[in-house]
Amino acid sequence: MDGKKAEIEFPHLWEYRVFSSAAGIDEVEKNIRRAVEEMKLSGMELERGAVSGNGSYRALRLAVTVGSKDEANALGERIRKLDGVRFIL
């Protein structure tokens, strides 16, 4: 290694893994779409993933093009605060 940090070039397709209560998944998806639209981000892909073994939780994969790390962090914070969201990676 040469000691340099890897640089992310922007705009960049940023990916999030969102884990939500399965019962409220439709509302969570709607609110994620609204947050992305309000931030005027582009290239959104939102798809459902696996359901937990007991059926309580559902995974979502969100990919969206962001213009900066601050924008990526701001969207992550908005999603984290949504009702039904348990955690985000």
Protein backbone atom coordinates (compact mmCIF):
# COMPACT_ATOMS: atom_id res chain seq x y z
CA MET A 1 0.00 0.00 0.00
CA ASP A 2 1.20 3.49 -0.74
CA GLY A 3 -0.67 5.08 2.19
CA LYS A 4 -3.20 6.92 0.01
CA LYS A 5 -6.89 6.79 0.76
CA ALA A 6 -9.16 5.63 -2.01
CA GLU A 7 -11.02 8.56 -3.51
CA ILE A 8 -14.67 8.26 -4.48
CA GLU A 9 -15.52 10.20 -7.60
CA PHE A 10 -18.85 12.00 -7.70
CA PRO A 11 -21.49 11.72 -8.95
CA HIS A 12 -21.46 8.17 -7.60
CA LEU A 13 -24.00 5.33 -7.47
CA TRP A 14 -24.43 4.82 -3.71
CA GLU A 15 -25.99 1.70 -2.26
CA TYR A 16 -27.91 1.29 0.96
CA ARG A 17 -29.31 -1.81 2.63
CA VAL A 18 -32.43 -0.93 4.57
CA PHE A 19 -34.03 -3.30 7.06
CA SER A 20 -37.66 -2.65 7.89
CA SER A 21 -40.56 -4.25 9.66
CA ALA A 22 -42.20 -6.51 7.08
CA ALA A 23 -45.69 -5.33 8.00
CA GLY A 24 -44.92 -1.72 7.04
CA ILE A 25 -42.80 -2.34 3.94
CA ASP A 26 -45.15 -0.56 1.50
CA GLU A 27 -45.10 2.64 3.57
CA VAL A 28 -41.32 2.46 4.02
CA GLU A 29 -40.84 2.11 0.25
CA LYS A 30 -43.18 5.04 -0.41
CA ASN A 31 -41.31 7.23 2.09
CA ILE A 32 -37.89 6.28 0.70
CA ARG A 33 -39.07 7.22 -2.81
CA ARG A 34 -40.39 10.54 -1.47
CA ALA A 35 -37.06 11.31 0.28
CA VAL A 36 -35.09 10.60 -2.92
CA GLU A 37 -37.45 12.76 -4.98
CA GLU A 38 -37.37 15.63 -2.47
CA MET A 39 -33.56 15.60 -2.56
CA LYS A 40 -33.75 15.60 -6.38
CA LEU A 41 -31.49 12.56 -6.69
CA SER A 42 -31.45 10.44 -9.84
CA GLY A 43 -30.97 6.88 -10.95
CA MET A 44 -32.94 5.34 -8.09
CA GLU A 45 -33.31 1.57 -7.96
CA LEU A 46 -35.34 0.19 -5.05
CA GLU A 47 -35.97 -3.51 -4.71
CA ARG A 48 -37.17 -5.86 -2.04
CA GLY A 49 -34.84 -8.47 -0.63
CA ALA A 50 -35.12 -11.34 1.79
CA VAL A 51 -37.61 -11.68 4.62
CA SER A 52 -36.33 -12.75 8.04
CA GLY A 53 -36.89 -16.34 9.16
CA ASN A 54 -39.80 -15.42 11.40
CA GLY A 55 -41.29 -13.01 8.85
CA SER A 56 -40.88 -9.89 11.01
CA TYR A 57 -38.31 -8.01 8.92
CA ARG A 58 -37.76 -7.27 5.26
CA ALA A 59 -34.60 -6.11 3.49
CA LEU A 60 -34.55 -3.45 0.79
CA ARG A 61 -31.72 -2.54 -1.56
CA LEU A 62 -31.59 1.12 -2.58
CA ALA A 63 -29.17 2.40 -5.18
CA VAL A 64 -29.18 6.09 -6.08
CA THR A 65 -26.77 8.53 -7.70
CA VAL A 66 -25.46 11.12 -5.24
CA GLY A 67 -23.41 14.21 -5.94
CA SER A 68 -21.32 14.18 -2.76
CA LYS A 69 -20.59 12.25 0.41
CA ASP A 70 -22.63 14.82 2.36
CA GLU A 71 -25.61 14.12 0.11
CA ALA A 72 -25.20 10.35 0.67
CA ASN A 73 -25.02 10.87 4.44
CA ALA A 74 -28.05 13.19 4.44
CA LEU A 75 -30.17 10.63 2.57
CA GLY A 76 -29.01 7.89 4.93
CA GLU A 77 -30.08 9.98 7.92
CA ARG A 78 -33.50 10.68 6.40
CA ILE A 79 -34.05 6.98 5.76
CA ARG A 80 -32.83 6.03 9.24
CA LYS A 81 -35.52 8.26 10.79
CA LEU A 82 -38.44 6.80 8.81
CA ASP A 83 -41.14 4.93 10.71
CA GLY A 84 -40.67 1.20 10.27
CA VAL A 85 -36.95 1.35 9.48
CA ARG A 86 -34.99 -0.75 11.96
CA PHE A 87 -31.47 -0.11 10.66
CA ILE A 88 -29.54 0.84 7.54
CA LEU A 89 -26.17 -0.18 6.14
